[in-house]
Amino acid sequence: MHTVIHSLEDTLKLIPFLFISFILMELIEHKFNNKKKLKKINKFGPLAGATLGLIPQCGFSVVASTFYVARVITLGTLFSIYLSTSDEMLPLLIANQVGISIIIKILFTKFILGLSFGIIVDLIYKNKLKNNIDDICEKTNCHCEKGIIKSSIIHTLKISLFILIINIILNFIIDKDVLTNFISNSRILSPILSSIIGLIPNCASSIVITELYIQEIIPFGSCIAGLLTSSGLGLLVLFKENKNLKENIIILLTLVLFSSVCGIVLNII
């Protein structure tokens, strides 16, 4: 019962973000429904994404996933948000009274890496910015023609139910001690292992990684590697909503590869 209640609480926190994101998607569909306008609002996408991701709330990564599936934001903006988001990291650091200089160092590192990688991705990969909102509506059968509010509520409830079910399953099977041993038993491979653990769409991953760094069990680079991939439920929603499975897998593997390399380099430095 405790697990179910905890999962429900986590899901309820996301509902306002989801509802607002679908409202915005509907408005964008009517106001910015051509490539030229979408490209204009995405000019500073990676910067905005890297900044929003620093706010201790994984709801932004979920919103980013829904926006990317609708091609409202670019792939670079999506990466910027994923990389700068850290789920429960910031509240945990503050609760443990970690020095402000360490907190700033972690946030600044994630911000710079998220912003830089987002810009590079957008320069290399030119997204076809167009509204795929109609495709999403057709897939979810939300009856968008009946009004923005009603269709947004239907979208939100369907995604929230999916997230709740996954949350319950993950909270039942995840053992923090197992995750701790998995990372700490190999300091050489810890950046790679941390980045893999960070992919788990649950707050347990960011909590374990942050606690291990606070206790000086893993070095700074390994901590950053894990936190770079700790985008909360963003990837989960991406895999559910994006019909292009190959693209989803490439995004996931790119996150792991980039985060691992950054972690290894930071450890060497």
Protein backbone atom coordinates (compact mmCIF):
# COMPACT_ATOMS: atom_id res chain seq x y z
CA MET A 1 0.00 0.00 0.00
CA HIS A 2 2.88 2.36 0.80
CA THR A 3 4.37 1.70 -2.64
CA VAL A 4 1.05 2.37 -4.38
CA ILE A 5 0.49 5.60 -2.44
CA HIS A 6 4.04 6.79 -3.18
CA SER A 7 3.58 6.03 -6.89
CA LEU A 8 0.27 7.87 -6.91
CA GLU A 9 1.86 10.92 -5.26
CA ASP A 10 4.65 10.98 -7.86
CA THR A 11 2.12 10.75 -10.70
CA LEU A 12 -0.16 13.45 -9.29
CA LYS A 13 2.79 15.87 -9.26
CA LEU A 14 3.11 15.45 -13.04
CA ILE A 15 -0.55 15.97 -13.95
CA PRO A 16 -0.43 19.81 -13.95
CA PHE A 17 2.66 19.73 -16.19
CA LEU A 18 1.03 17.30 -18.59
CA PHE A 19 -2.23 19.23 -18.75
CA ILE A 20 -0.48 22.54 -19.39
CA SER A 21 1.76 20.95 -22.04
CA PHE A 22 -1.21 19.60 -23.99
CA ILE A 23 -3.02 22.95 -23.70
CA LEU A 24 0.10 24.64 -25.12
CA MET A 25 0.35 22.05 -27.88
CA GLU A 26 -3.23 22.79 -28.93
CA LEU A 27 -2.56 26.53 -28.92
CA ILE A 28 0.68 26.10 -30.88
CA GLU A 29 -1.19 24.01 -33.43
CA HIS A 30 -3.40 27.01 -34.17
CA LYS A 31 -0.90 29.86 -33.69
CA PHE A 32 2.38 28.37 -34.98
CA ASN A 33 1.24 25.84 -37.54
CA ASN A 34 3.99 26.29 -40.12
CA LYS A 35 7.69 25.46 -40.26
CA LYS A 36 8.87 29.08 -40.39
CA LYS A 37 7.12 30.05 -37.15
CA LEU A 38 8.20 26.87 -35.36
CA LYS A 39 11.81 27.44 -36.38
CA LYS A 40 11.62 30.98 -35.03
CA ILE A 41 10.42 29.95 -31.55
CA ASN A 42 13.08 27.21 -31.43
CA LYS A 43 15.97 29.60 -32.10
CA PHE A 44 16.88 29.65 -28.42
CA GLY A 45 15.49 26.18 -27.68
CA PRO A 46 18.65 24.57 -26.22
CA LEU A 47 19.28 27.56 -23.95
CA ALA A 48 15.71 27.56 -22.66
CA GLY A 49 15.78 23.77 -22.31
CA ALA A 50 19.05 23.67 -20.36
CA THR A 51 17.74 26.41 -18.05
CA LEU A 52 14.34 24.83 -17.39
CA GLY A 53 15.95 21.46 -16.77
CA LEU A 54 17.80 22.85 -13.75
CA ILE A 55 14.51 23.34 -11.90
CA PRO A 56 14.14 20.31 -9.56
CA GLN A 57 11.07 18.84 -11.23
CA CYS A 58 11.08 15.97 -13.74
CA GLY A 59 7.84 17.31 -15.21
CA PHE A 60 9.80 19.40 -17.69
CA SER A 61 11.35 16.30 -19.26
CA VAL A 62 7.87 14.80 -19.67
CA VAL A 63 6.63 18.01 -21.29
CA ALA A 64 9.72 18.05 -23.54
CA SER A 65 8.98 14.50 -24.71
CA THR A 66 5.39 15.32 -25.64
CA PHE A 67 6.53 18.49 -27.42
CA TYR A 68 9.23 16.63 -29.35
CA VAL A 69 6.83 13.91 -30.47
CA ALA A 70 4.61 16.67 -31.85
CA ARG A 71 7.75 18.26 -33.40
CA VAL A 72 7.09 21.51 -31.59
CA ILE A 73 10.69 21.54 -30.27
CA THR A 74 13.92 20.34 -31.87
CA LEU A 75 15.96 17.28 -30.97
CA GLY A 76 18.68 19.56 -29.58
CA THR A 77 16.20 21.19 -27.20
CA LEU A 78 15.02 17.75 -26.09
CA PHE A 79 18.61 16.68 -25.30
CA SER A 80 19.26 19.95 -23.46
CA ILE A 81 16.33 19.33 -21.13
CA TYR A 82 17.14 15.64 -20.63
CA LEU A 83 20.78 16.36 -19.78
CA SER A 84 20.15 19.25 -17.40
CA THR A 85 17.28 17.55 -15.53
CA SER A 86 18.26 15.64 -12.38
CA ASP A 87 14.97 14.65 -10.72
CA GLU A 88 15.62 14.54 -6.92
CA MET A 89 19.27 15.59 -7.00
CA LEU A 90 18.97 19.24 -5.92
CA PRO A 91 16.54 18.73 -2.98
CA LEU A 92 18.76 15.89 -1.72
CA LEU A 93 21.92 18.01 -1.85
CA ILE A 94 20.18 20.81 0.02
CA ALA A 95 18.73 18.42 2.61
CA ASN A 96 22.22 17.04 3.28
CA GLN A 97 23.57 20.59 3.69
CA VAL A 98 26.11 20.14 0.95
CA GLY A 99 28.26 23.23 0.33
CA ILE A 100 26.83 25.79 -2.06
CA SER A 101 30.02 25.65 -4.15
CA ILE A 102 29.47 21.93 -4.85
CA ILE A 103 25.82 22.48 -5.75
CA ILE A 104 26.74 25.29 -8.14
CA LYS A 105 29.52 23.16 -9.67
CA ILE A 106 27.10 20.30 -10.39
CA LEU A 107 24.34 22.55 -11.77
CA PHE A 108 26.77 24.60 -13.87
CA THR A 109 28.40 21.47 -15.31
CA LYS A 110 25.04 19.97 -16.28
CA PHE A 111 23.84 23.28 -17.72
CA ILE A 112 26.93 23.76 -19.90
CA LEU A 113 26.94 20.15 -21.11
CA GLY A 114 23.20 20.21 -21.84
CA LEU A 115 23.37 23.54 -23.66
CA SER A 116 26.49 22.64 -25.67
CA PHE A 117 25.24 19.24 -26.75
CA GLY A 118 21.81 20.63 -27.63
CA ILE A 119 23.35 23.28 -29.89
CA ILE A 120 25.64 20.73 -31.56
CA VAL A 121 22.74 18.34 -32.19
CA ASP A 122 20.64 21.09 -33.76
CA LEU A 123 23.55 22.13 -35.99
CA ILE A 124 24.13 18.55 -37.17
CA TYR A 125 20.60 17.23 -37.21
CA LYS A 126 18.15 19.51 -38.96
CA ASN A 127 14.69 18.67 -37.64
CA LYS A 128 11.69 18.83 -39.86
CA LEU A 129 9.70 21.15 -37.63
CA LYS A 130 6.07 20.52 -38.31
CA ASN A 131 3.05 19.87 -36.21
CA ASN A 132 2.46 16.19 -35.61
CA ILE A 133 -0.25 16.99 -33.07
CA ASP A 134 -2.92 15.67 -35.42
CA ASP A 135 -1.11 12.30 -35.53
CA ILE A 136 -1.03 12.17 -31.72
CA CYS A 137 -4.73 13.01 -31.52
CA GLU A 138 -5.58 10.31 -34.05
CA LYS A 139 -3.47 7.75 -32.19
CA THR A 140 -5.02 8.50 -28.78
CA ASN A 141 -8.54 9.09 -30.13
CA CYS A 142 -8.97 12.19 -27.96
CA HIS A 143 -11.61 13.94 -30.11
CA CYS A 144 -9.74 17.24 -30.39
CA GLU A 145 -12.56 18.66 -32.49
CA LYS A 146 -14.67 18.81 -29.32
CA GLY A 147 -12.50 21.48 -27.72
CA ILE A 148 -9.01 22.24 -26.43
CA ILE A 149 -9.81 21.64 -22.75
CA LYS A 150 -11.57 18.31 -23.25
CA SER A 151 -8.92 16.89 -25.57
CA SER A 152 -6.13 18.06 -23.23
CA ILE A 153 -7.82 16.36 -20.28
CA ILE A 154 -8.12 13.10 -22.23
CA HIS A 155 -4.46 13.25 -23.31
CA THR A 156 -3.38 13.98 -19.72
CA LEU A 157 -5.43 11.19 -18.14
CA LYS A 158 -4.17 8.57 -20.60
CA ILE A 159 -0.50 9.49 -20.09
CA SER A 160 -0.96 9.78 -16.31
CA LEU A 161 -2.51 6.31 -16.08
CA PHE A 162 0.40 4.85 -18.03
CA ILE A 163 2.93 6.64 -15.78
CA LEU A 164 1.13 5.48 -12.62
CA ILE A 165 1.23 1.83 -13.68
CA ILE A 166 4.94 2.01 -14.55
CA ASN A 167 5.69 3.85 -11.30
CA ILE A 168 4.00 1.16 -9.23
CA ILE A 169 5.91 -1.61 -11.02
CA LEU A 170 9.26 0.18 -10.66
CA ASN A 171 8.73 1.02 -6.98
CA PHE A 172 8.01 -2.66 -6.30
CA ILE A 173 11.08 -4.05 -8.06
CA ILE A 174 13.78 -1.40 -7.49
CA ASP A 175 16.16 -2.11 -4.61
CA LYS A 176 18.38 0.86 -3.72
CA ASP A 177 20.98 -1.39 -2.10
CA VAL A 178 21.33 -3.34 -5.33
CA LEU A 179 21.79 -0.13 -7.32
CA THR A 180 24.37 1.10 -4.80
CA ASN A 181 26.42 -2.10 -5.03
CA PHE A 182 26.14 -2.11 -8.82
CA ILE A 183 27.80 1.31 -9.12
CA SER A 184 30.24 1.29 -6.20
CA ASN A 185 31.81 -2.12 -6.88
CA SER A 186 33.64 -0.86 -9.95
CA ARG A 187 35.18 2.60 -9.68
CA ILE A 188 36.83 2.24 -13.11
CA LEU A 189 33.53 1.59 -14.88
CA SER A 190 31.46 3.75 -12.51
CA PRO A 191 30.74 6.55 -15.06
CA ILE A 192 29.27 4.02 -17.49
CA LEU A 193 27.38 2.16 -14.77
CA SER A 194 26.08 5.43 -13.32
CA SER A 195 24.79 6.56 -16.71
CA ILE A 196 22.95 3.25 -17.10
CA ILE A 197 21.41 3.52 -13.62
CA GLY A 198 20.36 7.08 -14.37
CA LEU A 199 18.14 5.83 -17.20
CA ILE A 200 15.76 4.17 -14.72
CA PRO A 201 12.58 6.32 -14.91
CA ASN A 202 12.27 6.60 -11.15
CA CYS A 203 13.57 9.01 -8.50
CA ALA A 204 15.52 6.14 -6.88
CA SER A 205 18.24 6.40 -9.54
CA SER A 206 19.08 10.07 -8.94
CA ILE A 207 18.82 9.58 -5.17
CA VAL A 208 21.27 6.68 -5.15
CA ILE A 209 23.76 8.46 -7.43
CA THR A 210 23.62 11.68 -5.39
CA GLU A 211 23.96 9.83 -2.07
CA LEU A 212 26.99 7.90 -3.32
CA TYR A 213 28.66 11.16 -4.34
CA ILE A 214 27.86 12.83 -1.01
CA GLN A 215 29.38 9.83 0.81
CA GLU A 216 32.44 10.07 -1.48
CA ILE A 217 31.92 6.53 -2.78
CA ILE A 218 31.92 7.64 -6.42
CA PRO A 219 33.92 10.55 -7.92
CA PHE A 220 32.49 13.74 -9.41
CA GLY A 221 32.59 12.51 -13.01
CA SER A 222 30.63 9.37 -12.19
CA CYS A 223 28.05 11.46 -10.36
CA ILE A 224 27.65 13.77 -13.36
CA ALA A 225 27.39 10.81 -15.75
CA GLY A 226 24.48 9.36 -13.80
CA LEU A 227 22.73 12.69 -13.32
CA LEU A 228 23.00 13.53 -17.02
CA THR A 229 20.82 10.54 -17.87
CA SER A 230 18.46 11.00 -14.88
CA SER A 231 15.70 12.66 -16.87
CA GLY A 232 12.94 11.16 -14.77
CA LEU A 233 9.94 9.93 -16.74
CA GLY A 234 10.83 11.83 -19.90
CA LEU A 235 12.28 8.86 -21.77
CA LEU A 236 9.41 6.66 -20.66
CA VAL A 237 6.87 9.04 -22.20
CA LEU A 238 9.02 9.36 -25.33
CA PHE A 239 8.97 5.59 -25.88
CA LYS A 240 5.22 5.48 -25.34
CA GLU A 241 4.27 8.41 -27.56
CA ASN A 242 6.88 8.34 -30.32
CA LYS A 243 6.05 5.70 -32.93
CA ASN A 244 9.61 5.71 -34.30
CA LEU A 245 11.21 3.03 -32.08
CA LYS A 246 14.54 3.27 -33.89
CA GLU A 247 14.76 6.99 -33.15
CA ASN A 248 13.90 6.40 -29.48
CA ILE A 249 16.67 3.82 -29.13
CA ILE A 250 19.20 6.14 -30.83
CA ILE A 251 18.26 8.95 -28.42
CA LEU A 252 18.66 6.63 -25.44
CA LEU A 253 22.02 5.25 -26.58
CA THR A 254 23.27 8.75 -27.39
CA LEU A 255 22.39 9.87 -23.87
CA VAL A 256 24.33 6.97 -22.36
CA LEU A 257 27.34 7.41 -24.65
CA PHE A 258 27.59 11.18 -24.17
CA SER A 259 27.08 10.96 -20.40
CA SER A 260 29.62 8.16 -20.03
CA VAL A 261 32.27 9.99 -22.03
CA CYS A 262 31.69 13.21 -20.05
CA GLY A 263 31.93 11.28 -16.79
CA ILE A 264 35.18 9.55 -17.78
CA VAL A 265 36.76 12.84 -18.95
CA LEU A 266 35.74 14.64 -15.74
CA ASN A 267 37.18 11.81 -13.63
CA ILE A 268 40.48 12.04 -15.50
CA ILE A 269 40.56 15.82 -15.09
